[in-house]
Amino acid sequence: MKLKYLTLLALFVTTPILAEENSKNINIQEKAYHYLCDNKKNVTAHYINSEDQSRKETVSFLRLDIGDQSYGLTEAVSASGERYIGHHGLDLSHGLIWWSKGDSAFLSVFKGDNAQNSRIIYRNCRLLK
């Protein structure tokens, strides 16, 4: 019984130390871009890159701010430009796709897991400079 408590105590003591040591190898960068879309819709795209230097891995995320709401999306494969998908969109049954290339972008919604059958809701989004 004492061994069980000592093991748990060791875990509680060492876990924060290990987490702190691992966080030294992680570099996080964020860049925000403001877009104006058709119908005067504003979107702010926060591109977040997390690089684990010890593993030589980079993970990319996107936070879209639309009005007073924020949506989290992850990087997805694209033949051209940058594409991000999130399964929790404007409501619980729809996901979001943000697709950008150069100074332009658009935002689409899709139902359920069917991202192939999406509908554009914000067209002709232009990067504000």
N, C-alpha and C. Protein backbone atom coordinates (compact mmCIF):
# COMPACT_ATOMS: atom_id res chain seq x y z
N MET A 1 0.82 -1.19 0.00
CA MET A 1 0.00 0.00 0.00
C MET A 1 0.87 1.26 0.00
N LYS A 2 1.95 1.25 0.80
CA LYS A 2 2.84 2.41 0.83
C LYS A 2 3.50 2.62 -0.53
N LEU A 3 3.82 1.52 -1.22
CA LEU A 3 4.44 1.62 -2.53
C LEU A 3 3.51 2.33 -3.52
N LYS A 4 2.22 2.04 -3.42
CA LYS A 4 1.24 2.68 -4.30
C LYS A 4 1.22 4.19 -4.07
N TYR A 5 1.21 4.61 -2.82
CA TYR A 5 1.20 6.04 -2.50
C TYR A 5 2.51 6.71 -2.89
N LEU A 6 3.63 6.02 -2.70
CA LEU A 6 4.92 6.59 -3.09
C LEU A 6 5.01 6.75 -4.61
N THR A 7 4.45 5.79 -5.34
CA THR A 7 4.44 5.89 -6.81
C THR A 7 3.60 7.08 -7.25
N LEU A 8 2.42 7.23 -6.67
CA LEU A 8 1.56 8.37 -7.00
C LEU A 8 2.23 9.69 -6.64
N LEU A 9 2.87 9.74 -5.49
CA LEU A 9 3.58 10.94 -5.07
C LEU A 9 4.70 11.28 -6.06
N ALA A 10 5.44 10.27 -6.49
CA ALA A 10 6.52 10.50 -7.46
C ALA A 10 5.96 11.05 -8.78
N LEU A 11 4.82 10.54 -9.21
CA LEU A 11 4.19 11.04 -10.44
C LEU A 11 3.79 12.50 -10.30
N PHE A 12 3.18 12.84 -9.17
CA PHE A 12 2.74 14.22 -8.96
C PHE A 12 3.92 15.19 -8.89
N VAL A 13 5.04 14.74 -8.36
CA VAL A 13 6.21 15.60 -8.24
C VAL A 13 6.94 15.75 -9.57
N THR A 14 7.08 14.65 -10.32
CA THR A 14 7.90 14.70 -11.54
C THR A 14 7.14 15.19 -12.76
N THR A 15 5.83 15.04 -12.81
CA THR A 15 5.08 15.44 -14.01
C THR A 15 5.25 16.91 -14.34
N PRO A 16 5.11 17.85 -13.39
CA PRO A 16 5.34 19.26 -13.74
C PRO A 16 6.77 19.55 -14.19
N ILE A 17 7.73 18.85 -13.63
CA ILE A 17 9.13 19.05 -14.02
C ILE A 17 9.33 18.60 -15.46
N LEU A 18 8.78 17.43 -15.81
CA LEU A 18 8.89 16.93 -17.18
C LEU A 18 8.16 17.84 -18.16
N ALA A 19 7.00 18.32 -17.77
CA ALA A 19 6.24 19.22 -18.65
C ALA A 19 7.00 20.51 -18.90
N GLU A 20 7.63 21.04 -17.84
CA GLU A 20 8.40 22.27 -18.00
C GLU A 20 9.60 22.04 -18.91
N GLU A 21 10.27 20.90 -18.76
CA GLU A 21 11.42 20.59 -19.60
C GLU A 21 11.01 20.45 -21.06
N ASN A 22 9.88 19.79 -21.33
CA ASN A 22 9.40 19.63 -22.70
C ASN A 22 8.97 20.95 -23.31
N SER A 23 8.41 21.86 -22.51
CA SER A 23 7.94 23.14 -23.05
C SER A 23 9.09 24.02 -23.54
N LYS A 24 10.30 23.77 -23.06
CA LYS A 24 11.46 24.54 -23.51
C LYS A 24 11.78 24.25 -24.97
N ASN A 25 11.35 23.10 -25.47
CA ASN A 25 11.64 22.70 -26.85
C ASN A 25 10.55 23.10 -27.82
N ILE A 26 9.51 23.77 -27.35
CA ILE A 26 8.37 24.12 -28.19
C ILE A 26 8.38 25.62 -28.48
N ASN A 27 8.27 25.95 -29.76
CA ASN A 27 8.25 27.33 -30.20
C ASN A 27 6.88 27.59 -30.84
N ILE A 28 6.13 28.56 -30.31
CA ILE A 28 4.80 28.87 -30.83
C ILE A 28 4.83 30.27 -31.44
N GLN A 29 4.35 30.36 -32.68
CA GLN A 29 4.28 31.64 -33.37
C GLN A 29 2.85 31.86 -33.86
N GLU A 30 2.39 33.09 -33.74
CA GLU A 30 1.04 33.44 -34.20
C GLU A 30 1.10 34.71 -35.05
N LYS A 31 0.38 34.66 -36.17
CA LYS A 31 0.25 35.83 -37.04
C LYS A 31 -1.23 36.03 -37.32
N ALA A 32 -1.68 37.27 -37.18
CA ALA A 32 -3.10 37.58 -37.42
C ALA A 32 -3.24 38.40 -38.70
N TYR A 33 -4.25 38.04 -39.48
CA TYR A 33 -4.56 38.74 -40.73
C TYR A 33 -6.04 39.08 -40.74
N HIS A 34 -6.34 40.29 -41.20
CA HIS A 34 -7.73 40.76 -41.25
C HIS A 34 -8.22 40.75 -42.70
N TYR A 35 -9.42 40.21 -42.88
CA TYR A 35 -10.02 40.10 -44.21
C TYR A 35 -11.36 40.81 -44.22
N LEU A 36 -11.69 41.38 -45.37
CA LEU A 36 -13.01 41.94 -45.61
C LEU A 36 -13.62 41.14 -46.76
N CYS A 37 -14.77 40.52 -46.50
CA CYS A 37 -15.43 39.66 -47.48
C CYS A 37 -16.63 40.38 -48.07
N ASP A 38 -17.24 39.76 -49.10
CA ASP A 38 -18.47 40.32 -49.68
C ASP A 38 -19.49 40.57 -48.57
N ASN A 39 -20.42 41.46 -48.83
CA ASN A 39 -21.45 41.85 -47.85
C ASN A 39 -20.85 42.45 -46.59
N LYS A 40 -19.62 42.99 -46.71
CA LYS A 40 -18.94 43.69 -45.61
C LYS A 40 -18.75 42.82 -44.37
N LYS A 41 -18.52 41.54 -44.56
CA LYS A 41 -18.25 40.61 -43.46
C LYS A 41 -16.76 40.66 -43.14
N ASN A 42 -16.43 40.82 -41.86
CA ASN A 42 -15.04 40.85 -41.40
C ASN A 42 -14.66 39.51 -40.78
N VAL A 43 -13.46 39.06 -41.13
CA VAL A 43 -12.91 37.82 -40.57
C VAL A 43 -11.47 38.10 -40.18
N THR A 44 -11.08 37.68 -38.97
CA THR A 44 -9.68 37.74 -38.57
C THR A 44 -9.18 36.31 -38.47
N ALA A 45 -8.11 36.03 -39.19
CA ALA A 45 -7.51 34.69 -39.21
C ALA A 45 -6.21 34.72 -38.42
N HIS A 46 -6.15 33.93 -37.36
CA HIS A 46 -4.95 33.81 -36.54
C HIS A 46 -4.27 32.49 -36.89
N TYR A 47 -3.16 32.58 -37.62
CA TYR A 47 -2.41 31.38 -37.99
C TYR A 47 -1.42 31.08 -36.87
N ILE A 48 -1.51 29.87 -36.32
CA ILE A 48 -0.70 29.49 -35.16
C ILE A 48 0.13 28.27 -35.54
N ASN A 49 1.45 28.40 -35.44
CA ASN A 49 2.36 27.29 -35.72
C ASN A 49 3.06 26.91 -34.43
N SER A 50 3.01 25.63 -34.11
CA SER A 50 3.67 25.10 -32.93
C SER A 50 4.76 24.14 -33.39
N GLU A 51 6.00 24.50 -33.11
CA GLU A 51 7.13 23.69 -33.55
C GLU A 51 7.78 23.01 -32.35
N ASP A 52 7.85 21.69 -32.39
CA ASP A 52 8.55 20.92 -31.37
C ASP A 52 9.97 20.69 -31.90
N GLN A 53 10.92 21.44 -31.37
CA GLN A 53 12.28 21.40 -31.89
C GLN A 53 12.97 20.07 -31.61
N SER A 54 12.60 19.40 -30.53
CA SER A 54 13.24 18.12 -30.22
C SER A 54 12.78 17.02 -31.17
N ARG A 55 11.55 17.11 -31.66
CA ARG A 55 11.02 16.09 -32.58
C ARG A 55 11.07 16.54 -34.04
N LYS A 56 11.43 17.80 -34.27
CA LYS A 56 11.45 18.36 -35.63
C LYS A 56 10.07 18.27 -36.29
N GLU A 57 9.03 18.59 -35.52
CA GLU A 57 7.66 18.55 -36.02
C GLU A 57 7.02 19.93 -35.89
N THR A 58 6.18 20.27 -36.86
CA THR A 58 5.42 21.51 -36.80
C THR A 58 3.95 21.18 -37.00
N VAL A 59 3.11 21.76 -36.15
CA VAL A 59 1.67 21.59 -36.25
C VAL A 59 1.06 22.97 -36.46
N SER A 60 0.14 23.07 -37.42
CA SER A 60 -0.48 24.36 -37.74
C SER A 60 -1.96 24.36 -37.39
N PHE A 61 -2.40 25.44 -36.79
CA PHE A 61 -3.79 25.63 -36.42
C PHE A 61 -4.25 26.98 -36.94
N LEU A 62 -5.56 27.17 -36.94
CA LEU A 62 -6.13 28.45 -37.33
C LEU A 62 -7.27 28.77 -36.37
N ARG A 63 -7.27 30.01 -35.88
CA ARG A 63 -8.42 30.50 -35.12
C ARG A 63 -9.06 31.60 -35.94
N LEU A 64 -10.32 31.38 -36.29
CA LEU A 64 -11.07 32.39 -37.04
C LEU A 64 -11.94 33.17 -36.07
N ASP A 65 -11.84 34.48 -36.11
CA ASP A 65 -12.72 35.35 -35.34
C ASP A 65 -13.72 35.96 -36.30
N ILE A 66 -15.00 35.65 -36.07
CA ILE A 66 -16.09 36.17 -36.89
C ILE A 66 -17.09 36.79 -35.93
N GLY A 67 -17.22 38.10 -35.99
CA GLY A 67 -18.07 38.78 -35.01
C GLY A 67 -17.50 38.57 -33.63
N ASP A 68 -18.33 38.13 -32.70
CA ASP A 68 -17.86 37.88 -31.34
C ASP A 68 -17.59 36.40 -31.07
N GLN A 69 -17.50 35.59 -32.11
CA GLN A 69 -17.26 34.15 -31.98
C GLN A 69 -15.89 33.78 -32.53
N SER A 70 -15.28 32.75 -31.94
CA SER A 70 -14.00 32.21 -32.42
C SER A 70 -14.19 30.73 -32.74
N TYR A 71 -13.50 30.29 -33.79
CA TYR A 71 -13.61 28.90 -34.25
C TYR A 71 -12.21 28.35 -34.47
N GLY A 72 -11.97 27.13 -34.02
CA GLY A 72 -10.68 26.48 -34.18
C GLY A 72 -10.69 25.51 -35.35
N LEU A 73 -9.68 25.61 -36.21
CA LEU A 73 -9.57 24.74 -37.38
C LEU A 73 -8.16 24.18 -37.45
N THR A 74 -8.02 23.02 -38.07
CA THR A 74 -6.70 22.41 -38.23
C THR A 74 -6.34 22.37 -39.71
N GLU A 75 -5.05 22.34 -39.96
CA GLU A 75 -4.56 22.35 -41.34
C GLU A 75 -4.99 21.07 -42.05
N ALA A 76 -5.37 21.21 -43.32
CA ALA A 76 -5.79 20.08 -44.14
C ALA A 76 -5.03 20.10 -45.46
N VAL A 77 -5.02 18.98 -46.13
CA VAL A 77 -4.33 18.86 -47.41
C VAL A 77 -5.03 19.74 -48.45
N SER A 78 -4.23 20.42 -49.25
CA SER A 78 -4.79 21.23 -50.34
C SER A 78 -3.83 21.18 -51.52
N ALA A 79 -4.40 21.16 -52.72
CA ALA A 79 -3.57 21.15 -53.92
C ALA A 79 -2.96 22.53 -54.17
N SER A 80 -3.65 23.57 -53.72
CA SER A 80 -3.18 24.93 -53.94
C SER A 80 -3.67 25.81 -52.81
N GLY A 81 -2.81 26.66 -52.29
CA GLY A 81 -3.19 27.54 -51.19
C GLY A 81 -3.14 26.82 -49.85
N GLU A 82 -3.75 27.45 -48.85
CA GLU A 82 -3.81 26.88 -47.50
C GLU A 82 -5.26 26.59 -47.16
N ARG A 83 -5.49 25.40 -46.61
CA ARG A 83 -6.85 24.96 -46.29
C ARG A 83 -6.89 24.48 -44.85
N TYR A 84 -7.91 24.94 -44.12
CA TYR A 84 -8.10 24.55 -42.72
C TYR A 84 -9.55 24.10 -42.54
N ILE A 85 -9.73 23.06 -41.73
CA ILE A 85 -11.07 22.50 -41.50
C ILE A 85 -11.32 22.39 -40.00
N GLY A 86 -12.53 22.75 -39.60
CA GLY A 86 -12.99 22.56 -38.22
C GLY A 86 -14.36 21.92 -38.23
N HIS A 87 -14.57 20.94 -37.38
CA HIS A 87 -15.85 20.22 -37.38
C HIS A 87 -16.91 20.89 -36.50
N HIS A 88 -16.53 21.93 -35.78
CA HIS A 88 -17.51 22.69 -34.98
C HIS A 88 -17.58 24.09 -35.56
N GLY A 89 -18.66 24.36 -36.28
CA GLY A 89 -18.77 25.63 -36.98
C GLY A 89 -19.81 26.54 -36.39
N LEU A 90 -20.54 27.20 -37.26
CA LEU A 90 -21.52 28.19 -36.83
C LEU A 90 -22.62 27.59 -35.96
N ASP A 91 -22.87 26.30 -36.12
CA ASP A 91 -23.75 25.56 -35.22
C ASP A 91 -23.16 24.16 -35.05
N LEU A 92 -23.77 23.34 -34.17
CA LEU A 92 -23.18 22.05 -33.85
C LEU A 92 -23.23 21.03 -34.98
N SER A 93 -24.10 21.24 -35.97
CA SER A 93 -24.22 20.25 -37.04
C SER A 93 -23.39 20.60 -38.28
N HIS A 94 -22.72 21.73 -38.27
CA HIS A 94 -21.96 22.17 -39.44
C HIS A 94 -20.50 22.45 -39.09
N GLY A 95 -19.61 22.10 -40.01
CA GLY A 95 -18.20 22.42 -39.88
C GLY A 95 -17.83 23.59 -40.78
N LEU A 96 -16.59 24.04 -40.65
CA LEU A 96 -16.11 25.19 -41.43
C LEU A 96 -14.87 24.81 -42.23
N ILE A 97 -14.74 25.42 -43.40
CA ILE A 97 -13.53 25.30 -44.21
C ILE A 97 -13.07 26.71 -44.57
N TRP A 98 -11.83 27.03 -44.23
CA TRP A 98 -11.22 28.31 -44.61
C TRP A 98 -10.15 28.00 -45.63
N TRP A 99 -10.26 28.60 -46.80
CA TRP A 99 -9.32 28.34 -47.87
C TRP A 99 -8.75 29.68 -48.33
N SER A 100 -7.42 29.81 -48.25
CA SER A 100 -6.79 31.07 -48.65
C SER A 100 -5.66 30.80 -49.64
N LYS A 101 -5.46 31.78 -50.50
CA LYS A 101 -4.34 31.73 -51.45
C LYS A 101 -3.97 33.17 -51.76
N GLY A 102 -2.73 33.50 -51.48
CA GLY A 102 -2.29 34.88 -51.69
C GLY A 102 -3.06 35.82 -50.78
N ASP A 103 -3.65 36.86 -51.36
CA ASP A 103 -4.39 37.87 -50.59
C ASP A 103 -5.89 37.61 -50.54
N SER A 104 -6.34 36.45 -51.03
CA SER A 104 -7.78 36.19 -51.05
C SER A 104 -8.11 34.89 -50.31
N ALA A 105 -9.37 34.79 -49.89
CA ALA A 105 -9.83 33.61 -49.15
C ALA A 105 -11.34 33.50 -49.27
N PHE A 106 -11.86 32.35 -48.83
CA PHE A 106 -13.31 32.19 -48.71
C PHE A 106 -13.60 31.22 -47.58
N LEU A 107 -14.81 31.30 -47.06
CA LEU A 107 -15.25 30.46 -45.94
C LEU A 107 -16.46 29.65 -46.39
N SER A 108 -16.39 28.35 -46.14
CA SER A 108 -17.48 27.44 -46.49
C SER A 108 -17.97 26.71 -45.25
N VAL A 109 -19.20 26.20 -45.34
CA VAL A 109 -19.75 25.32 -44.30
C VAL A 109 -20.05 23.97 -44.93
N PHE A 110 -20.02 22.94 -44.09
CA PHE A 110 -20.42 21.61 -44.53
C PHE A 110 -21.18 20.94 -43.40
N LYS A 111 -22.01 19.98 -43.75
CA LYS A 111 -22.85 19.31 -42.76
C LYS A 111 -22.22 17.98 -42.36
N GLY A 112 -22.23 17.70 -41.06
CA GLY A 112 -21.68 16.43 -40.56
C GLY A 112 -20.21 16.30 -40.87
N ASP A 113 -19.82 15.15 -41.43
CA ASP A 113 -18.43 14.91 -41.79
C ASP A 113 -18.18 15.05 -43.29
N ASN A 114 -19.16 15.53 -44.03
CA ASN A 114 -19.08 15.59 -45.48
C ASN A 114 -18.47 16.91 -45.96
N ALA A 115 -17.16 17.06 -45.79
CA ALA A 115 -16.48 18.30 -46.19
C ALA A 115 -16.40 18.45 -47.70
N GLN A 116 -16.60 17.36 -48.44
CA GLN A 116 -16.56 17.43 -49.90
C GLN A 116 -17.77 18.19 -50.45
N ASN A 117 -18.86 18.18 -49.72
CA ASN A 117 -20.09 18.84 -50.16
C ASN A 117 -20.29 20.10 -49.32
N SER A 118 -19.50 21.13 -49.63
CA SER A 118 -19.54 22.36 -48.84
C SER A 118 -20.22 23.48 -49.62
N ARG A 119 -20.62 24.51 -48.87
CA ARG A 119 -21.31 25.66 -49.45
C ARG A 119 -20.60 26.93 -48.98
N ILE A 120 -20.21 27.79 -49.92
CA ILE A 120 -19.50 29.03 -49.57
C ILE A 120 -20.47 30.01 -48.92
N ILE A 121 -20.06 30.53 -47.75
CA ILE A 121 -20.90 31.52 -47.07
C ILE A 121 -20.26 32.91 -47.05
N TYR A 122 -18.93 33.00 -47.09
CA TYR A 122 -18.23 34.28 -47.19
C TYR A 122 -17.35 34.22 -48.43
N ARG A 123 -17.71 35.01 -49.44
CA ARG A 123 -17.00 35.01 -50.72
C ARG A 123 -16.05 36.20 -50.82
N ASN A 124 -15.08 36.04 -51.70
CA ASN A 124 -14.18 37.14 -52.06
C ASN A 124 -13.61 37.88 -50.85
N CYS A 125 -13.09 37.14 -49.91
CA CYS A 125 -12.45 37.75 -48.74
C CYS A 125 -11.08 38.28 -49.18
N ARG A 126 -10.84 39.56 -48.94
CA ARG A 126 -9.59 40.21 -49.35
C ARG A 126 -8.80 40.64 -48.13
N LEU A 127 -7.52 40.35 -48.17
CA LEU A 127 -6.62 40.72 -47.09
C LEU A 127 -6.54 42.24 -46.99
N LEU A 128 -6.75 42.77 -45.79
CA LEU A 128 -6.62 44.22 -45.56
C LEU A 128 -5.17 44.52 -45.23
N LYS A 129 -4.64 45.54 -45.88
CA LYS A 129 -3.22 45.88 -45.65
C LYS A 129 -3.08 47.22 -44.99
